[in-house]
PDB file of N, CA and C in Angstrom:
ATOM      1  N   MET A   1       0.873  -1.162   0.048  1.00  0.00           N
ATOM      2  CA  MET A   1       0.002  -0.170   0.001  1.00  0.00           C
ATOM      3  C   MET A   1       0.850   1.168   0.062  1.00  0.00           C
ATOM      4  N   SER A   2       0.630   2.194  -0.881  1.00  0.00           N
ATOM      5  CA  SER A   2       1.441   3.340  -0.921  1.00  0.00           C
ATOM      6  C   SER A   2       0.901   4.700   0.003  1.00  0.00           C
ATOM      7  N   GLY A   3       1.882   5.409   0.467  1.00  0.00           N
ATOM      8  CA  GLY A   3       1.668   6.550   1.099  1.00  0.00           C
ATOM      9  C   GLY A   3       1.074   7.789   0.444  1.00  0.00           C
ATOM     10  N   PRO A   4       1.021   9.019   0.921  1.00  0.00           N
ATOM     11  CA  PRO A   4       0.365  10.030   0.081  1.00  0.00           C
ATOM     12  C   PRO A   4       1.121  10.533  -1.051  1.00  0.00           C
ATOM     13  N   ASN A   5       2.432  10.097  -0.931  1.00  0.00           N
ATOM     14  CA  ASN A   5       3.225  10.676  -2.028  1.00  0.00           C
ATOM     15  C   ASN A   5       3.672   9.455  -2.961  1.00  0.00           C
ATOM     16  N   GLY A   6       2.936   8.536  -2.889  1.00  0.00           N
ATOM     17  CA  GLY A   6       3.222   7.360  -3.841  1.00  0.00           C
ATOM     18  C   GLY A   6       4.445   6.488  -3.388  1.00  0.00           C
ATOM     19  N   GLU A   7       4.903   6.629  -2.186  1.00  0.00           N
ATOM     20  CA  GLU A   7       5.825   6.000  -1.282  1.00  0.00           C
ATOM     21  C   GLU A   7       5.254   4.798  -0.692  1.00  0.00           C
ATOM     22  N   PRO A   8       6.219   3.865  -0.573  1.00  0.00           N
ATOM     23  CA  PRO A   8       5.723   2.625   0.171  1.00  0.00           C
ATOM     24  C   PRO A   8       5.356   3.200   1.763  1.00  0.00           C
ATOM     25  N   ASN A   9       4.326   2.444   2.309  1.00  0.00           N
ATOM     26  CA  ASN A   9       4.020   2.733   3.495  1.00  0.00           C
ATOM     27  C   ASN A   9       4.991   1.814   4.455  1.00  0.00           C
ATOM     28  N   VAL A  10       5.758   2.509   5.164  1.00  0.00           N
ATOM     29  CA  VAL A  10       6.615   1.872   6.109  1.00  0.00           C
ATOM     30  C   VAL A  10       6.407   2.382   7.428  1.00  0.00           C
ATOM     31  N   THR A  11       6.257   1.495   8.419  1.00  0.00           N
ATOM     32  CA  THR A  11       5.949   1.827   9.741  1.00  0.00           C
ATOM     33  C   THR A  11       7.181   2.361  10.406  1.00  0.00           C
ATOM     34  N   VAL A  12       7.036   3.217  11.474  1.00  0.00           N
ATOM     35  CA  VAL A  12       8.143   3.964  12.260  1.00  0.00           C
ATOM     36  C   VAL A  12       8.727   2.786  13.069  1.00  0.00           C
ATOM     37  N   ARG A  13       7.899   1.907  13.536  1.00  0.00           N
ATOM     38  CA  ARG A  13       8.205   0.757  14.470  1.00  0.00           C
ATOM     39  C   ARG A  13       9.359  -0.171  13.692  1.00  0.00           C
ATOM     40  N   ARG A  14       8.893  -0.509  12.473  1.00  0.00           N
ATOM     41  CA  ARG A  14      10.117  -1.215  11.608  1.00  0.00           C
ATOM     42  C   ARG A  14      11.544  -0.730  11.347  1.00  0.00           C
ATOM     43  N   GLU A  15      11.416   0.744  11.268  1.00  0.00           N
ATOM     44  CA  GLU A  15      12.590   1.453  11.238  1.00  0.00           C
ATOM     45  C   GLU A  15      13.321   1.372  12.295  1.00  0.00           C
ATOM     46  N   GLU A  16      12.683   1.466  13.638  1.00  0.00           N
ATOM     47  CA  GLU A  16      13.522   1.468  14.966  1.00  0.00           C
ATOM     48  C   GLU A  16      14.055   0.049  15.032  1.00  0.00           C
ATOM     49  N   GLU A  17      13.289  -1.058  14.745  1.00  0.00           N
ATOM     50  CA  GLU A  17      13.683  -2.408  14.882  1.00  0.00           C
ATOM     51  C   GLU A  17      15.201  -2.522  14.198  1.00  0.00           C
ATOM     52  N   GLU A  18      15.155  -2.015  12.833  1.00  0.00           N
ATOM     53  CA  GLU A  18      16.092  -2.117  11.937  1.00  0.00           C
ATOM     54  C   GLU A  18      17.459  -1.455  12.500  1.00  0.00           C
ATOM     55  N   GLU A  19      17.143  -0.227  13.025  1.00  0.00           N
ATOM     56  CA  GLU A  19      18.188   0.466  13.553  1.00  0.00           C
ATOM     57  C   GLU A  19      18.867  -0.190  14.961  1.00  0.00           C
ATOM     58  N   GLU A  20      17.950  -0.879  16.038  1.00  0.00           N
ATOM     59  CA  GLU A  20      18.450  -1.388  16.839  1.00  0.00           C
ATOM     60  C   GLU A  20      19.193  -2.894  16.272  1.00  0.00           C
ATOM     61  N   GLU A  21      19.101  -3.288  15.513  1.00  0.00           N
ATOM     62  CA  GLU A  21      19.745  -4.332  15.013  1.00  0.00           C
ATOM     63  C   GLU A  21      21.353  -4.172  14.239  1.00  0.00           C
ATOM     64  N   GLU A  22      21.275  -2.831  13.928  1.00  0.00           N
ATOM     65  CA  GLU A  22      22.485  -2.419  13.328  1.00  0.00           C
ATOM     66  C   GLU A  22      23.308  -1.953  14.574  1.00  0.00           C
ATOM     67  N   GLU A  23      23.012  -1.537  15.499  1.00  0.00           N
ATOM     68  CA  GLU A  23      23.900  -1.053  16.612  1.00  0.00           C
ATOM     69  C   GLU A  23      24.815  -2.058  17.048  1.00  0.00           C
ATOM     70  N   VAL A  24      26.065  -1.921  17.084  1.00  0.00           N
ATOM     71  CA  VAL A  24      26.989  -2.732  17.545  1.00  0.00           C
ATOM     72  C   VAL A  24      27.501  -2.371  18.656  1.00  0.00           C
ATOM     73  N   PRO A  25      27.711  -2.975  19.960  1.00  0.00           N
ATOM     74  CA  PRO A  25      28.103  -2.640  21.373  1.00  0.00           C
ATOM     75  C   PRO A  25      29.702  -2.082  21.123  1.00  0.00           C
ATOM     76  N   GLU A  26      30.155  -1.229  21.846  1.00  0.00           N
ATOM     77  CA  GLU A  26      31.349  -0.762  21.968  1.00  0.00           C
ATOM     78  C   GLU A  26      32.251  -1.705  22.059  1.00  0.00           C
ATOM     79  N   GLU A  27      32.202  -2.624  22.956  1.00  0.00           N
ATOM     80  CA  GLU A  27      33.179  -3.676  23.144  1.00  0.00           C
ATOM     81  C   GLU A  27      33.520  -4.534  21.786  1.00  0.00           C
ATOM     82  N   GLU A  28      32.393  -4.580  20.928  1.00  0.00           N
ATOM     83  CA  GLU A  28      32.857  -5.378  19.782  1.00  0.00           C
ATOM     84  C   GLU A  28      33.713  -4.506  18.723  1.00  0.00           C
ATOM     85  N   TYR A  29      33.561  -3.038  18.898  1.00  0.00           N
ATOM     86  CA  TYR A  29      34.248  -2.263  18.045  1.00  0.00           C
ATOM     87  C   TYR A  29      35.838  -2.337  18.637  1.00  0.00           C
ATOM     88  N   ALA A  30      35.885  -2.328  19.801  1.00  0.00           N
ATOM     89  CA  ALA A  30      37.108  -2.395  20.719  1.00  0.00           C
ATOM     90  C   ALA A  30      37.948  -3.761  20.236  1.00  0.00           C
ATOM     91  N   ALA A  31      37.040  -4.878  20.361  1.00  0.00           N
ATOM     92  CA  ALA A  31      37.720  -6.085  19.752  1.00  0.00           C
ATOM     93  C   ALA A  31      38.062  -6.096  18.386  1.00  0.00           C
ATOM     94  N   LEU A  32      37.334  -5.673  17.622  1.00  0.00           N
ATOM     95  CA  LEU A  32      37.525  -5.502  16.167  1.00  0.00           C
ATOM     96  C   LEU A  32      38.769  -4.540  15.901  1.00  0.00           C
ATOM     97  N   ASN A  33      38.859  -3.542  16.760  1.00  0.00           N
ATOM     98  CA  ASN A  33      40.173  -2.737  16.448  1.00  0.00           C
ATOM     99  C   ASN A  33      41.358  -3.479  16.835  1.00  0.00           C
ATOM    100  N   LEU A  34      41.259  -4.303  17.948  1.00  0.00           N
ATOM    101  CA  LEU A  34      42.369  -4.895  18.484  1.00  0.00           C
ATOM    102  C   LEU A  34      42.887  -5.889  17.331  1.00  0.00           C
ATOM    103  N   MET A  35      41.645  -6.552  16.794  1.00  0.00           N
ATOM    104  CA  MET A  35      42.209  -7.560  15.801  1.00  0.00           C
ATOM    105  C   MET A  35      42.852  -6.982  14.605  1.00  0.00           C
ATOM    106  N   LEU A  36      42.299  -5.940  14.257  1.00  0.00           N
ATOM    107  CA  LEU A  36      42.827  -5.244  13.156  1.00  0.00           C
ATOM    108  C   LEU A  36      44.272  -4.620  13.678  1.00  0.00           C
ATOM    109  N   ASP A  37      44.450  -4.383  14.597  1.00  0.00           N
ATOM    110  CA  ASP A  37      45.821  -3.826  15.129  1.00  0.00           C
ATOM    111  C   ASP A  37      46.757  -4.985  14.970  1.00  0.00           C
ATOM    112  N   GLN A  38      46.466  -6.174  15.425  1.00  0.00           N
ATOM    113  CA  GLN A  38      47.427  -7.308  15.385  1.00  0.00           C
ATOM    114  C   GLN A  38      47.602  -7.913  13.994  1.00  0.00           C
ATOM    115  N   ILE A  39      46.561  -7.854  13.116  1.00  0.00           N
ATOM    116  CA  ILE A  39      46.508  -8.189  11.787  1.00  0.00           C
ATOM    117  C   ILE A  39      47.615  -7.154  11.262  1.00  0.00           C
ATOM    118  N   ASN A  40      47.558  -6.000  11.318  1.00  0.00           N
ATOM    119  CA  ASN A  40      48.626  -4.909  10.842  1.00  0.00           C
ATOM    120  C   ASN A  40      49.864  -5.127  11.271  1.00  0.00           C
ATOM    121  N   SER A  41      50.114  -5.582  12.709  1.00  0.00           N
ATOM    122  CA  SER A  41      51.473  -5.619  13.085  1.00  0.00           C
ATOM    123  C   SER A  41      52.063  -6.991  12.377  1.00  0.00           C
ATOM    124  N   CYS A  42      51.081  -7.932  12.137  1.00  0.00           N
ATOM    125  CA  CYS A  42      51.473  -9.395  11.582  1.00  0.00           C
ATOM    126  C   CYS A  42      52.139  -9.111   9.927  1.00  0.00           C
ATOM    127  N   LEU A  43      51.291  -8.276   9.372  1.00  0.00           N
ATOM    128  CA  LEU A  43      51.684  -7.823   8.011  1.00  0.00           C
ATOM    129  C   LEU A  43      52.963  -6.869   7.997  1.00  0.00           C
ATOM    130  N   ASP A  44      53.026  -5.926   8.920  1.00  0.00           N
ATOM    131  CA  ASP A  44      54.346  -5.420   9.011  1.00  0.00           C
ATOM    132  C   ASP A  44      55.356  -6.181   9.179  1.00  0.00           C
ATOM    133  N   ASN A  45      55.337  -7.381   9.966  1.00  0.00           N
ATOM    134  CA  ASN A  45      56.435  -7.976  10.416  1.00  0.00           C
ATOM    135  C   ASN A  45      56.746  -9.015   9.091  1.00  0.00           C
ATOM    136  N   LEU A  46      55.710  -9.305   8.494  1.00  0.00           N
ATOM    137  CA  LEU A  46      55.963 -10.082   7.129  1.00  0.00           C
ATOM    138  C   LEU A  46      56.542  -9.309   6.170  1.00  0.00           C
ATOM    139  N   GLU A  47      56.380  -7.986   6.084  1.00  0.00           N
ATOM    140  CA  GLU A  47      56.833  -7.028   5.157  1.00  0.00           C
ATOM    141  C   GLU A  47      58.290  -6.946   5.320  1.00  0.00           C
ATOM    142  N   GLU A  48      58.622  -6.872   6.600  1.00  0.00           N
ATOM    143  CA  GLU A  48      59.869  -6.715   7.137  1.00  0.00           C
ATOM    144  C   GLU A  48      60.910  -7.678   6.767  1.00  0.00           C
ATOM    145  N   LYS A  49      60.401  -9.130   6.993  1.00  0.00           N
ATOM    146  CA  LYS A  49      60.883 -10.310   6.923  1.00  0.00           C
ATOM    147  C   LYS A  49      61.118 -10.480   5.095  1.00  0.00           C
ATOM    148  N   ASN A  50      60.129 -10.047   4.441  1.00  0.00           N
ATOM    149  CA  ASN A  50      60.176 -10.075   2.862  1.00  0.00           C
ATOM    150  C   ASN A  50      61.326  -9.252   2.401  1.00  0.00           C
ATOM    151  N   ASP A  51      61.572  -8.217   3.043  1.00  0.00           N
ATOM    152  CA  ASP A  51      62.592  -7.279   2.753  1.00  0.00           C
ATOM    153  C   ASP A  51      63.950  -7.717   3.035  1.00  0.00           C
ATOM    154  N   VAL A  52      64.053  -8.326   4.168  1.00  0.00           N
ATOM    155  CA  VAL A  52      65.528  -9.019   4.514  1.00  0.00           C
ATOM    156  C   VAL A  52      65.749 -10.156   3.610  1.00  0.00           C
ATOM    157  N   LEU A  53      64.670 -10.847   3.330  1.00  0.00           N
ATOM    158  CA  LEU A  53      64.907 -12.244   2.265  1.00  0.00           C
ATOM    159  C   LEU A  53      65.292 -11.504   0.836  1.00  0.00           C
ATOM    160  N   ASN A  54      64.606 -10.190   0.554  1.00  0.00           N
ATOM    161  CA  ASN A  54      65.039  -9.903  -0.747  1.00  0.00           C
ATOM    162  C   ASN A  54      66.427  -9.466  -0.764  1.00  0.00           C
ATOM    163  N   VAL A  55      66.744  -8.780   0.244  1.00  0.00           N
ATOM    164  CA  VAL A  55      68.412  -8.227   0.218  1.00  0.00           C
ATOM    165  C   VAL A  55      69.140  -9.501   0.205  1.00  0.00           C
ATOM    166  N   LYS A  56      68.925 -10.581   1.136  1.00  0.00           N
ATOM    167  CA  LYS A  56      69.771 -11.831   1.019  1.00  0.00           C
ATOM    168  C   LYS A  56      69.667 -12.533  -0.164  1.00  0.00           C
ATOM    169  N   LEU A  57      68.599 -12.464  -0.893  1.00  0.00           N
ATOM    170  CA  LEU A  57      68.615 -13.277  -2.169  1.00  0.00           C
ATOM    171  C   LEU A  57      69.409 -12.504  -3.161  1.00  0.00           C
ATOM    172  N   ARG A  58      69.381 -11.201  -3.164  1.00  0.00           N
ATOM    173  CA  ARG A  58      70.149 -10.223  -3.986  1.00  0.00           C
ATOM    174  C   ARG A  58      71.772 -10.585  -3.924  1.00  0.00           C
ATOM    175  N   GLU A  59      72.018 -10.383  -2.540  1.00  0.00           N
ATOM    176  CA  GLU A  59      73.523 -10.800  -2.283  1.00  0.00           C
ATOM    177  C   GLU A  59      73.929 -12.164  -2.614  1.00  0.00           C
ATOM    178  N   LEU A  60      73.094 -13.188  -2.378  1.00  0.00           N
ATOM    179  CA  LEU A  60      73.266 -14.448  -3.064  1.00  0.00           C
ATOM    180  C   LEU A  60      73.574 -14.650  -4.377  1.00  0.00           C
ATOM    181  N   LEU A  61      72.671 -14.000  -5.195  1.00  0.00           N
ATOM    182  CA  LEU A  61      72.756 -13.818  -6.858  1.00  0.00           C
ATOM    183  C   LEU A  61      74.055 -13.255  -7.114  1.00  0.00           C
ATOM    184  N   GLU A  62      74.135 -12.062  -6.448  1.00  0.00           N
ATOM    185  CA  GLU A  62      75.667 -11.374  -6.815  1.00  0.00           C
ATOM    186  C   GLU A  62      76.824 -12.194  -6.446  1.00  0.00           C
ATOM    187  N   SER A  63      76.882 -13.081  -5.419  1.00  0.00           N
ATOM    188  CA  SER A  63      77.765 -13.958  -5.136  1.00  0.00           C
ATOM    189  C   SER A  63      78.055 -14.946  -6.078  1.00  0.00           C
ATOM    190  N   ASN A  64      76.850 -15.679  -6.414  1.00  0.00           N
ATOM    191  CA  ASN A  64      76.833 -16.684  -7.331  1.00  0.00           C
ATOM    192  C   ASN A  64      77.262 -16.006  -8.837  1.00  0.00           C
ATOM    193  N   ARG A  65      77.011 -15.038  -9.298  1.00  0.00           N
ATOM    194  CA  ARG A  65      77.512 -14.488 -10.677  1.00  0.00           C
ATOM    195  C   ARG A  65      78.920 -14.257 -10.393  1.00  0.00           C
ATOM    196  N   GLN A  66      79.478 -13.786  -9.379  1.00  0.00           N
ATOM    197  CA  GLN A  66      81.071 -13.786  -9.217  1.00  0.00           C
ATOM    198  C   GLN A  66      81.717 -14.952  -9.277  1.00  0.00           C
ATOM    199  N   VAL A  67      81.186 -15.810  -8.522  1.00  0.00           N
ATOM    200  CA  VAL A  67      81.772 -17.142  -8.564  1.00  0.00           C
ATOM    201  C   VAL A  67      81.714 -17.833 -10.021  1.00  0.00           C
ATOM    202  N   ARG A  68      80.711 -17.639 -10.682  1.00  0.00           N
ATOM    203  CA  ARG A  68      80.631 -18.247 -12.114  1.00  0.00           C
ATOM    204  C   ARG A  68      81.486 -17.551 -12.762  1.00  0.00           C
ATOM    205  N   MET A  69      81.793 -16.326 -12.665  1.00  0.00           N
ATOM    206  CA  MET A  69      82.801 -15.331 -13.609  1.00  0.00           C
ATOM    207  C   MET A  69      84.084 -15.779 -13.280  1.00  0.00           C
ATOM    208  N   GLU A  70      84.401 -16.150 -11.903  1.00  0.00           N
ATOM    209  CA  GLU A  70      85.834 -16.782 -11.641  1.00  0.00           C
ATOM    210  C   GLU A  70      86.088 -17.927 -12.136  1.00  0.00           C
ATOM    211  N   PHE A  71      84.844 -18.757 -12.325  1.00  0.00           N
ATOM    212  CA  PHE A  71      85.126 -20.332 -12.691  1.00  0.00           C
ATOM    213  C   PHE A  71      85.405 -20.279 -14.259  1.00  0.00           C
ATOM    214  N   ARG A  72      84.557 -19.427 -15.116  1.00  0.00           N
ATOM    215  CA  ARG A  72      84.856 -19.465 -16.585  1.00  0.00           C
ATOM    216  C   ARG A  72      86.113 -18.879 -16.857  1.00  0.00           C
ATOM    217  N   GLN A  73      86.780 -17.776 -16.005  1.00  0.00           N
ATOM    218  CA  GLN A  73      87.998 -17.346 -16.247  1.00  0.00           C
ATOM    219  C   GLN A  73      89.056 -18.452 -15.940  1.00  0.00           C
ATOM    220  N   GLN A  74      88.715 -19.122 -14.849  1.00  0.00           N
ATOM    221  CA  GLN A  74      89.815 -20.403 -14.623  1.00  0.00           C
ATOM    222  C   GLN A  74      89.697 -21.154 -15.961  1.00  0.00           C
ATOM    223  N   GLN A  75      88.598 -21.436 -16.386  1.00  0.00           N
ATOM    224  CA  GLN A  75      88.409 -22.502 -17.568  1.00  0.00           C
ATOM    225  C   GLN A  75      89.237 -21.852 -18.670  1.00  0.00           C
ATOM    226  N   ILE A  76      88.938 -20.471 -18.867  1.00  0.00           N
ATOM    227  CA  ILE A  76      89.713 -20.001 -20.116  1.00  0.00           C
ATOM    228  C   ILE A  76      91.214 -20.099 -19.966  1.00  0.00           C
ATOM    229  N   ASP A  77      91.742 -19.652 -18.540  1.00  0.00           N
ATOM    230  CA  ASP A  77      93.136 -19.652 -18.307  1.00  0.00           C
ATOM    231  C   ASP A  77      93.706 -21.154 -18.625  1.00  0.00           C
ATOM    232  N   ALA A  78      92.917 -22.034 -18.130  1.00  0.00           N
ATOM    233  CA  ALA A  78      93.394 -23.435 -18.123  1.00  0.00           C
ATOM    234  C   ALA A  78      93.581 -24.108 -19.538  1.00  0.00           C
ATOM    235  N   THR A  79      92.674 -23.451 -20.502  1.00  0.00           N
ATOM    236  CA  THR A  79      92.624 -23.915 -21.869  1.00  0.00           C
ATOM    237  C   THR A  79      93.506 -22.977 -22.918  1.00  0.00           C
ATOM    238  N   ALA A  80      93.876 -21.981 -22.230  1.00  0.00           N
ATOM    239  CA  ALA A  80      94.629 -21.087 -23.249  1.00  0.00           C
ATOM    240  C   ALA A  80      96.104 -21.832 -23.460  1.00  0.00           C
ATOM    241  N   PRO A  81      96.643 -21.706 -24.596  1.00  0.00           N
ATOM    242  CA  PRO A  81      98.030 -22.189 -24.896  1.00  0.00           C
ATOM    243  C   PRO A  81      99.031 -21.553 -24.300  1.00  0.00           C
ATOM    244  N   THR A  82      99.905 -22.038 -23.795  1.00  0.00           N
ATOM    245  CA  THR A  82     101.229 -21.425 -23.006  1.00  0.00           C
ATOM    246  C   THR A  82     102.124 -20.880 -23.969  1.00  0.00           C
ATOM    247  N   ASP A  83     102.984 -19.998 -23.687  1.00  0.00           N
ATOM    248  CA  ASP A  83     104.045 -19.304 -24.633  1.00  0.00           C
ATOM    249  C   ASP A  83     105.210 -19.996 -24.411  1.00  0.00           C
ATOM    250  N   SER A  84     105.598 -21.249 -23.663  1.00  0.00           N
ATOM    251  CA  SER A  84     106.772 -21.730 -23.214  1.00  0.00           C
ATOM    252  C   SER A  84     107.381 -22.374 -24.276  1.00  0.00           C
TER     253      SER A  84
END
């Protein structure tokens, strides 16, 4: 059934019930905030560990690159003819 302006007829009582259902106790907000803070802390920790691992990986790759270059140079030196 429509109201005077063609709008659906909604009782005030139903709106109050919906508002009551949507209210969240302050303790729940505090608990959610605490959980979000813990999640944020864990993510920060993971990001820090990721950064450290990234630096170590780059160091390992550079070290590996240098060892390969030295190995190749030794092979070249070993196969080069001597002028004796």
